């Protein structure tokens, strides 16, 4: 999927796409948010979740962006 097509999806559609085609890679934290990294095909997607409210705040396609914040959390078994 191209980034432009992904951005046209609603938040619910993006979440369903992650559930159906995404492979969990790693998780990081930023203040009170959990940021989960998923792989869809050859690209990465971030899911920003707020545990206090139980809401997904945003889902971003990382095409051309760095995954460096996740490197310390990566498990090689999740990369295949």
PDB file of N, CA and C in Angstrom:
ATOM      1  N   UNK A   1       0.837  -1.172   0.000  1.00  0.00           N
ATOM      2  CA  UNK A   1       0.000   0.000   0.000  1.00  0.00           C
ATOM      3  C   UNK A   1       0.885   1.240   0.000  1.00  0.00           C
ATOM      4  N   UNK A   2       0.492   2.206  -0.767  1.00  0.00           N
ATOM      5  CA  UNK A   2       1.246   3.452  -0.835  1.00  0.00           C
ATOM      6  C   UNK A   2       0.833   4.367   0.320  1.00  0.00           C
ATOM      7  N   UNK A   3       1.768   5.194   0.795  1.00  0.00           N
ATOM      8  CA  UNK A   3       1.440   6.108   1.903  1.00  0.00           C
ATOM      9  C   UNK A   3       0.219   6.975   1.618  1.00  0.00           C
ATOM     10  N   UNK A   4       0.080   7.431   0.380  1.00  0.00           N
ATOM     11  CA  UNK A   4      -1.050   8.301   0.034  1.00  0.00           C
ATOM     12  C   UNK A   4      -2.369   7.562   0.199  1.00  0.00           C
ATOM     13  N   UNK A   5      -2.399   6.271  -0.150  1.00  0.00           N
ATOM     14  CA  UNK A   5      -3.612   5.466   0.012  1.00  0.00           C
ATOM     15  C   UNK A   5      -3.892   5.213   1.490  1.00  0.00           C
ATOM     16  N   UNK A   6      -2.848   4.951   2.257  1.00  0.00           N
ATOM     17  CA  UNK A   6      -2.999   4.700   3.689  1.00  0.00           C
ATOM     18  C   UNK A   6      -3.576   5.921   4.388  1.00  0.00           C
ATOM     19  N   UNK A   7      -3.107   7.100   4.032  1.00  0.00           N
ATOM     20  CA  UNK A   7      -3.560   8.330   4.687  1.00  0.00           C
ATOM     21  C   UNK A   7      -5.025   8.633   4.406  1.00  0.00           C
ATOM     22  N   UNK A   8      -5.578   8.094   3.329  1.00  0.00           N
ATOM     23  CA  UNK A   8      -6.989   8.320   2.997  1.00  0.00           C
ATOM     24  C   UNK A   8      -7.925   7.490   3.873  1.00  0.00           C
ATOM     25  N   UNK A   9      -7.400   6.458   4.522  1.00  0.00           N
ATOM     26  CA  UNK A   9      -8.220   5.589   5.359  1.00  0.00           C
ATOM     27  C   UNK A   9      -8.604   6.289   6.660  1.00  0.00           C
ATOM     28  N   UNK A  10      -9.753   5.913   7.210  1.00  0.00           N
ATOM     29  CA  UNK A  10     -10.142   6.416   8.527  1.00  0.00           C
ATOM     30  C   UNK A  10      -9.289   5.718   9.580  1.00  0.00           C
ATOM     31  N   UNK A  11      -9.328   6.212  10.800  1.00  0.00           N
ATOM     32  CA  UNK A  11      -8.581   5.595  11.891  1.00  0.00           C
ATOM     33  C   UNK A  11      -9.034   4.143  12.090  1.00  0.00           C
ATOM     34  N   UNK A  12     -10.341   3.895  12.023  1.00  0.00           N
ATOM     35  CA  UNK A  12     -10.860   2.529  12.168  1.00  0.00           C
ATOM     36  C   UNK A  12     -10.374   1.620  11.042  1.00  0.00           C
ATOM     37  N   UNK A  13     -10.348   2.125   9.820  1.00  0.00           N
ATOM     38  CA  UNK A  13      -9.876   1.326   8.682  1.00  0.00           C
ATOM     39  C   UNK A  13      -8.388   1.006   8.819  1.00  0.00           C
ATOM     40  N   UNK A  14      -7.619   1.978   9.289  1.00  0.00           N
ATOM     41  CA  UNK A  14      -6.189   1.744   9.511  1.00  0.00           C
ATOM     42  C   UNK A  14      -5.987   0.671  10.576  1.00  0.00           C
ATOM     43  N   UNK A  15      -6.765   0.743  11.655  1.00  0.00           N
ATOM     44  CA  UNK A  15      -6.656  -0.249  12.733  1.00  0.00           C
ATOM     45  C   UNK A  15      -7.012  -1.642  12.221  1.00  0.00           C
ATOM     46  N   UNK A  16      -8.064  -1.756  11.416  1.00  0.00           N
ATOM     47  CA  UNK A  16      -8.450  -3.058  10.850  1.00  0.00           C
ATOM     48  C   UNK A  16      -7.364  -3.601   9.930  1.00  0.00           C
ATOM     49  N   UNK A  17      -6.727  -2.722   9.169  1.00  0.00           N
ATOM     50  CA  UNK A  17      -5.637  -3.135   8.287  1.00  0.00           C
ATOM     51  C   UNK A  17      -4.474  -3.688   9.102  1.00  0.00           C
ATOM     52  N   UNK A  18      -4.137  -3.035  10.193  1.00  0.00           N
ATOM     53  CA  UNK A  18      -3.061  -3.518  11.065  1.00  0.00           C
ATOM     54  C   UNK A  18      -3.423  -4.881  11.641  1.00  0.00           C
ATOM     55  N   UNK A  19      -4.663  -5.039  12.087  1.00  0.00           N
ATOM     56  CA  UNK A  19      -5.090  -6.321  12.659  1.00  0.00           C
ATOM     57  C   UNK A  19      -5.065  -7.445  11.630  1.00  0.00           C
ATOM     58  N   UNK A  20      -5.409  -7.135  10.383  1.00  0.00           N
ATOM     59  CA  UNK A  20      -5.476  -8.191   9.368  1.00  0.00           C
ATOM     60  C   UNK A  20      -4.139  -8.471   8.688  1.00  0.00           C
ATOM     61  N   UNK A  21      -3.322  -7.446   8.468  1.00  0.00           N
ATOM     62  CA  UNK A  21      -2.087  -7.636   7.700  1.00  0.00           C
ATOM     63  C   UNK A  21      -0.812  -7.267   8.444  1.00  0.00           C
ATOM     64  N   UNK A  22      -0.944  -6.624   9.581  1.00  0.00           N
ATOM     65  CA  UNK A  22       0.229  -6.145  10.301  1.00  0.00           C
ATOM     66  C   UNK A  22       0.913  -7.222  11.118  1.00  0.00           C
ATOM     67  N   UNK A  23       2.225  -7.075  11.246  1.00  0.00           N
ATOM     68  CA  UNK A  23       3.044  -7.950  12.086  1.00  0.00           C
ATOM     69  C   UNK A  23       3.659  -7.065  13.169  1.00  0.00           C
ATOM     70  N   UNK A  24       3.363  -7.388  14.429  1.00  0.00           N
ATOM     71  CA  UNK A  24       3.893  -6.607  15.541  1.00  0.00           C
ATOM     72  C   UNK A  24       5.416  -6.720  15.563  1.00  0.00           C
ATOM     73  N   UNK A  25       6.094  -5.579  15.737  1.00  0.00           N
ATOM     74  CA  UNK A  25       7.554  -5.554  15.768  1.00  0.00           C
ATOM     75  C   UNK A  25       8.068  -5.152  17.144  1.00  0.00           C
ATOM     76  N   UNK A  26       7.567  -4.042  17.675  1.00  0.00           N
ATOM     77  CA  UNK A  26       8.116  -3.536  18.931  1.00  0.00           C
ATOM     78  C   UNK A  26       7.191  -2.483  19.515  1.00  0.00           C
ATOM     79  N   UNK A  27       7.502  -2.064  20.739  1.00  0.00           N
ATOM     80  CA  UNK A  27       6.722  -1.016  21.392  1.00  0.00           C
ATOM     81  C   UNK A  27       7.671  -0.060  22.096  1.00  0.00           C
ATOM     82  N   UNK A  28       7.288   1.206  22.106  1.00  0.00           N
ATOM     83  CA  UNK A  28       8.029   2.238  22.811  1.00  0.00           C
ATOM     84  C   UNK A  28       7.020   3.057  23.609  1.00  0.00           C
ATOM     85  N   UNK A  29       7.494   3.887  24.505  1.00  0.00           N
ATOM     86  CA  UNK A  29       6.606   4.745  25.284  1.00  0.00           C
ATOM     87  C   UNK A  29       7.025   6.194  25.126  1.00  0.00           C
ATOM     88  N   UNK A  30       6.030   7.064  25.126  1.00  0.00           N
ATOM     89  CA  UNK A  30       6.254   8.501  25.023  1.00  0.00           C
ATOM     90  C   UNK A  30       5.253   9.166  25.959  1.00  0.00           C
ATOM     91  N   UNK A  31       5.743   9.685  27.072  1.00  0.00           N
ATOM     92  CA  UNK A  31       4.896  10.227  28.131  1.00  0.00           C
ATOM     93  C   UNK A  31       3.880   9.164  28.540  1.00  0.00           C
ATOM     94  N   UNK A  32       2.590   9.424  28.414  1.00  0.00           N
ATOM     95  CA  UNK A  32       1.555   8.465  28.829  1.00  0.00           C
ATOM     96  C   UNK A  32       1.063   7.601  27.666  1.00  0.00           C
ATOM     97  N   UNK A  33       1.757   7.628  26.546  1.00  0.00           N
ATOM     98  CA  UNK A  33       1.314   6.895  25.361  1.00  0.00           C
ATOM     99  C   UNK A  33       2.179   5.673  25.103  1.00  0.00           C
ATOM    100  N   UNK A  34       1.556   4.622  24.594  1.00  0.00           N
ATOM    101  CA  UNK A  34       2.274   3.448  24.103  1.00  0.00           C
ATOM    102  C   UNK A  34       2.282   3.546  22.582  1.00  0.00           C
ATOM    103  N   UNK A  35       3.456   3.427  21.994  1.00  0.00           N
ATOM    104  CA  UNK A  35       3.580   3.520  20.542  1.00  0.00           C
ATOM    105  C   UNK A  35       4.067   2.170  20.044  1.00  0.00           C
ATOM    106  N   UNK A  36       3.183   1.472  19.346  1.00  0.00           N
ATOM    107  CA  UNK A  36       3.513   0.143  18.838  1.00  0.00           C
ATOM    108  C   UNK A  36       3.914   0.241  17.377  1.00  0.00           C
ATOM    109  N   UNK A  37       4.955  -0.478  17.034  1.00  0.00           N
ATOM    110  CA  UNK A  37       5.457  -0.507  15.667  1.00  0.00           C
ATOM    111  C   UNK A  37       5.020  -1.815  15.018  1.00  0.00           C
ATOM    112  N   UNK A  38       4.402  -1.706  13.851  1.00  0.00           N
ATOM    113  CA  UNK A  38       3.962  -2.864  13.075  1.00  0.00           C
ATOM    114  C   UNK A  38       4.589  -2.807  11.692  1.00  0.00           C
ATOM    115  N   UNK A  39       4.758  -3.978  11.097  1.00  0.00           N
ATOM    116  CA  UNK A  39       5.213  -4.063   9.709  1.00  0.00           C
ATOM    117  C   UNK A  39       4.033  -4.522   8.869  1.00  0.00           C
ATOM    118  N   UNK A  40       3.774  -3.797   7.797  1.00  0.00           N
ATOM    119  CA  UNK A  40       2.779  -4.193   6.803  1.00  0.00           C
ATOM    120  C   UNK A  40       3.522  -4.259   5.483  1.00  0.00           C
ATOM    121  N   UNK A  41       3.631  -5.481   4.958  1.00  0.00           N
ATOM    122  CA  UNK A  41       4.446  -5.757   3.777  1.00  0.00           C
ATOM    123  C   UNK A  41       5.877  -5.310   4.083  1.00  0.00           C
ATOM    124  N   UNK A  42       6.416  -4.360   3.354  1.00  0.00           N
ATOM    125  CA  UNK A  42       7.803  -3.937   3.581  1.00  0.00           C
ATOM    126  C   UNK A  42       7.907  -2.580   4.265  1.00  0.00           C
ATOM    127  N   UNK A  43       6.813  -2.112   4.822  1.00  0.00           N
ATOM    128  CA  UNK A  43       6.790  -0.787   5.433  1.00  0.00           C
ATOM    129  C   UNK A  43       6.400  -0.879   6.906  1.00  0.00           C
ATOM    130  N   UNK A  44       6.631   0.211   7.624  1.00  0.00           N
ATOM    131  CA  UNK A  44       6.333   0.259   9.048  1.00  0.00           C
ATOM    132  C   UNK A  44       5.209   1.249   9.339  1.00  0.00           C
ATOM    133  N   UNK A  45       4.419   0.923  10.367  1.00  0.00           N
ATOM    134  CA  UNK A  45       3.294   1.744  10.792  1.00  0.00           C
ATOM    135  C   UNK A  45       3.355   1.880  12.313  1.00  0.00           C
ATOM    136  N   UNK A  46       3.112   3.096  12.812  1.00  0.00           N
ATOM    137  CA  UNK A  46       3.050   3.343  14.252  1.00  0.00           C
ATOM    138  C   UNK A  46       1.594   3.451  14.686  1.00  0.00           C
ATOM    139  N   UNK A  47       1.277   2.803  15.799  1.00  0.00           N
ATOM    140  CA  UNK A  47      -0.039   2.920  16.409  1.00  0.00           C
ATOM    141  C   UNK A  47       0.150   3.576  17.773  1.00  0.00           C
ATOM    142  N   UNK A  48      -0.422   4.766  17.959  1.00  0.00           N
ATOM    143  CA  UNK A  48      -0.306   5.526  19.205  1.00  0.00           C
ATOM    144  C   UNK A  48      -1.540   5.249  20.047  1.00  0.00           C
ATOM    145  N   UNK A  49      -1.321   4.673  21.234  1.00  0.00           N
ATOM    146  CA  UNK A  49      -2.410   4.234  22.100  1.00  0.00           C
ATOM    147  C   UNK A  49      -2.292   4.903  23.463  1.00  0.00           C
ATOM    148  N   UNK A  50      -3.426   5.384  23.976  1.00  0.00           N
ATOM    149  CA  UNK A  50      -3.461   6.005  25.300  1.00  0.00           C
ATOM    150  C   UNK A  50      -4.139   5.038  26.273  1.00  0.00           C
ATOM    151  N   UNK A  51      -3.347   4.344  27.112  1.00  0.00           N
ATOM    152  CA  UNK A  51      -3.908   3.340  28.020  1.00  0.00           C
ATOM    153  C   UNK A  51      -4.933   3.892  29.010  1.00  0.00           C
ATOM    154  N   UNK A  52      -4.770   5.130  29.434  1.00  0.00           N
ATOM    155  CA  UNK A  52      -5.680   5.716  30.427  1.00  0.00           C
ATOM    156  C   UNK A  52      -7.107   5.782  29.889  1.00  0.00           C
ATOM    157  N   UNK A  53      -7.251   6.169  28.632  1.00  0.00           N
ATOM    158  CA  UNK A  53      -8.585   6.281  28.029  1.00  0.00           C
ATOM    159  C   UNK A  53      -8.959   5.048  27.216  1.00  0.00           C
ATOM    160  N   UNK A  54      -7.974   4.206  26.912  1.00  0.00           N
ATOM    161  CA  UNK A  54      -8.235   3.028  26.088  1.00  0.00           C
ATOM    162  C   UNK A  54      -8.475   3.365  24.629  1.00  0.00           C
ATOM    163  N   UNK A  55      -7.928   4.491  24.180  1.00  0.00           N
ATOM    164  CA  UNK A  55      -8.166   4.958  22.810  1.00  0.00           C
ATOM    165  C   UNK A  55      -6.898   4.924  21.969  1.00  0.00           C
ATOM    166  N   UNK A  56      -7.086   4.585  20.707  1.00  0.00           N
ATOM    167  CA  UNK A  56      -6.024   4.753  19.718  1.00  0.00           C
ATOM    168  C   UNK A  56      -6.076   6.214  19.304  1.00  0.00           C
ATOM    169  N   UNK A  57      -4.966   6.900  19.486  1.00  0.00           N
ATOM    170  CA  UNK A  57      -4.926   8.337  19.216  1.00  0.00           C
ATOM    171  C   UNK A  57      -4.604   8.646  17.758  1.00  0.00           C
ATOM    172  N   UNK A  58      -3.703   7.853  17.187  1.00  0.00           N
ATOM    173  CA  UNK A  58      -3.336   8.063  15.784  1.00  0.00           C
ATOM    174  C   UNK A  58      -2.593   6.847  15.266  1.00  0.00           C
ATOM    175  N   UNK A  59      -2.578   6.734  13.953  1.00  0.00           N
ATOM    176  CA  UNK A  59      -1.845   5.668  13.282  1.00  0.00           C
ATOM    177  C   UNK A  59      -1.111   6.321  12.116  1.00  0.00           C
ATOM    178  N   UNK A  60       0.210   6.190  12.112  1.00  0.00           N
ATOM    179  CA  UNK A  60       1.036   6.853  11.100  1.00  0.00           C
ATOM    180  C   UNK A  60       1.845   5.850  10.296  1.00  0.00           C
ATOM    181  N   UNK A  61       1.893   6.067   9.007  1.00  0.00           N
ATOM    182  CA  UNK A  61       2.713   5.307   8.073  1.00  0.00           C
ATOM    183  C   UNK A  61       4.120   5.883   8.137  1.00  0.00           C
ATOM    184  N   UNK A  62       5.135   5.056   8.289  1.00  0.00           N
ATOM    185  CA  UNK A  62       6.501   5.560   8.463  1.00  0.00           C
ATOM    186  C   UNK A  62       7.357   5.493   7.206  1.00  0.00           C
ATOM    187  N   UNK A  63       6.773   5.462   6.065  1.00  0.00           N
ATOM    188  CA  UNK A  63       7.543   5.409   4.826  1.00  0.00           C
ATOM    189  C   UNK A  63       8.511   6.586   4.781  1.00  0.00           C
ATOM    190  N   UNK A  64       9.797   6.283   4.711  1.00  0.00           N
ATOM    191  CA  UNK A  64      10.811   7.321   4.634  1.00  0.00           C
ATOM    192  C   UNK A  64      11.165   7.956   5.972  1.00  0.00           C
ATOM    193  N   UNK A  65      10.605   7.433   7.073  1.00  0.00           N
ATOM    194  CA  UNK A  65      10.912   7.970   8.401  1.00  0.00           C
ATOM    195  C   UNK A  65      11.702   6.946   9.194  1.00  0.00           C
ATOM    196  N   UNK A  66      12.382   7.392  10.204  1.00  0.00           N
ATOM    197  CA  UNK A  66      13.263   6.547  11.006  1.00  0.00           C
ATOM    198  C   UNK A  66      12.502   5.676  12.001  1.00  0.00           C
ATOM    199  N   UNK A  67      13.027   4.472  12.231  1.00  0.00           N
ATOM    200  CA  UNK A  67      12.496   3.604  13.287  1.00  0.00           C
ATOM    201  C   UNK A  67      13.475   3.550  14.462  1.00  0.00           C
ATOM    202  N   UNK A  68      14.418   4.482  14.519  1.00  0.00           N
ATOM    203  CA  UNK A  68      15.442   4.493  15.573  1.00  0.00           C
ATOM    204  C   UNK A  68      14.905   4.418  16.998  1.00  0.00           C
ATOM    205  N   UNK A  69      13.801   5.079  17.352  1.00  0.00           N
ATOM    206  CA  UNK A  69      13.332   4.980  18.740  1.00  0.00           C
ATOM    207  C   UNK A  69      12.997   3.552  19.173  1.00  0.00           C
ATOM    208  N   UNK A  70      12.806   2.654  18.221  1.00  0.00           N
ATOM    209  CA  UNK A  70      12.423   1.280  18.526  1.00  0.00           C
ATOM    210  C   UNK A  70      13.603   0.327  18.621  1.00  0.00           C
ATOM    211  N   UNK A  71      14.764   0.745  18.184  1.00  0.00           N
ATOM    212  CA  UNK A  71      15.892  -0.177  18.071  1.00  0.00           C
ATOM    213  C   UNK A  71      16.224  -0.875  19.376  1.00  0.00           C
ATOM    214  N   UNK A  72      16.143  -0.188  20.496  1.00  0.00           N
ATOM    215  CA  UNK A  72      16.482  -0.821  21.771  1.00  0.00           C
ATOM    216  C   UNK A  72      15.429  -1.832  22.215  1.00  0.00           C
ATOM    217  N   UNK A  73      14.252  -1.816  21.591  1.00  0.00           N
ATOM    218  CA  UNK A  73      13.169  -2.719  21.970  1.00  0.00           C
ATOM    219  C   UNK A  73      12.981  -3.872  20.987  1.00  0.00           C
ATOM    220  N   UNK A  74      13.739  -3.886  19.904  1.00  0.00           N
ATOM    221  CA  UNK A  74      13.506  -4.875  18.851  1.00  0.00           C
ATOM    222  C   UNK A  74      13.874  -6.283  19.272  1.00  0.00           C
ATOM    223  N   UNK A  75      13.058  -7.204  18.829  1.00  0.00           N
ATOM    224  CA  UNK A  75      13.320  -8.631  18.993  1.00  0.00           C
ATOM    225  C   UNK A  75      13.497  -9.190  17.589  1.00  0.00           C
ATOM    226  N   UNK A  76      14.633  -9.777  17.305  1.00  0.00           N
ATOM    227  CA  UNK A  76      14.933 -10.266  15.956  1.00  0.00           C
ATOM    228  C   UNK A  76      13.897 -11.266  15.459  1.00  0.00           C
ATOM    229  N   UNK A  77      13.265 -12.005  16.336  1.00  0.00           N
ATOM    230  CA  UNK A  77      12.264 -12.996  15.928  1.00  0.00           C
ATOM    231  C   UNK A  77      11.059 -12.343  15.265  1.00  0.00           C
ATOM    232  N   UNK A  78      10.783 -11.073  15.575  1.00  0.00           N
ATOM    233  CA  UNK A  78       9.635 -10.383  14.998  1.00  0.00           C
ATOM    234  C   UNK A  78       9.926  -9.768  13.635  1.00  0.00           C
ATOM    235  N   UNK A  79      11.131  -9.847  13.159  1.00  0.00           N
ATOM    236  CA  UNK A  79      11.504  -9.187  11.909  1.00  0.00           C
ATOM    237  C   UNK A  79      11.345 -10.071  10.685  1.00  0.00           C
ATOM    238  N   UNK A  80      11.157 -11.347  10.851  1.00  0.00           N
ATOM    239  CA  UNK A  80      11.020 -12.260   9.705  1.00  0.00           C
ATOM    240  C   UNK A  80       9.633 -12.261   9.151  1.00  0.00           C
TER     241      UNK A  80
END
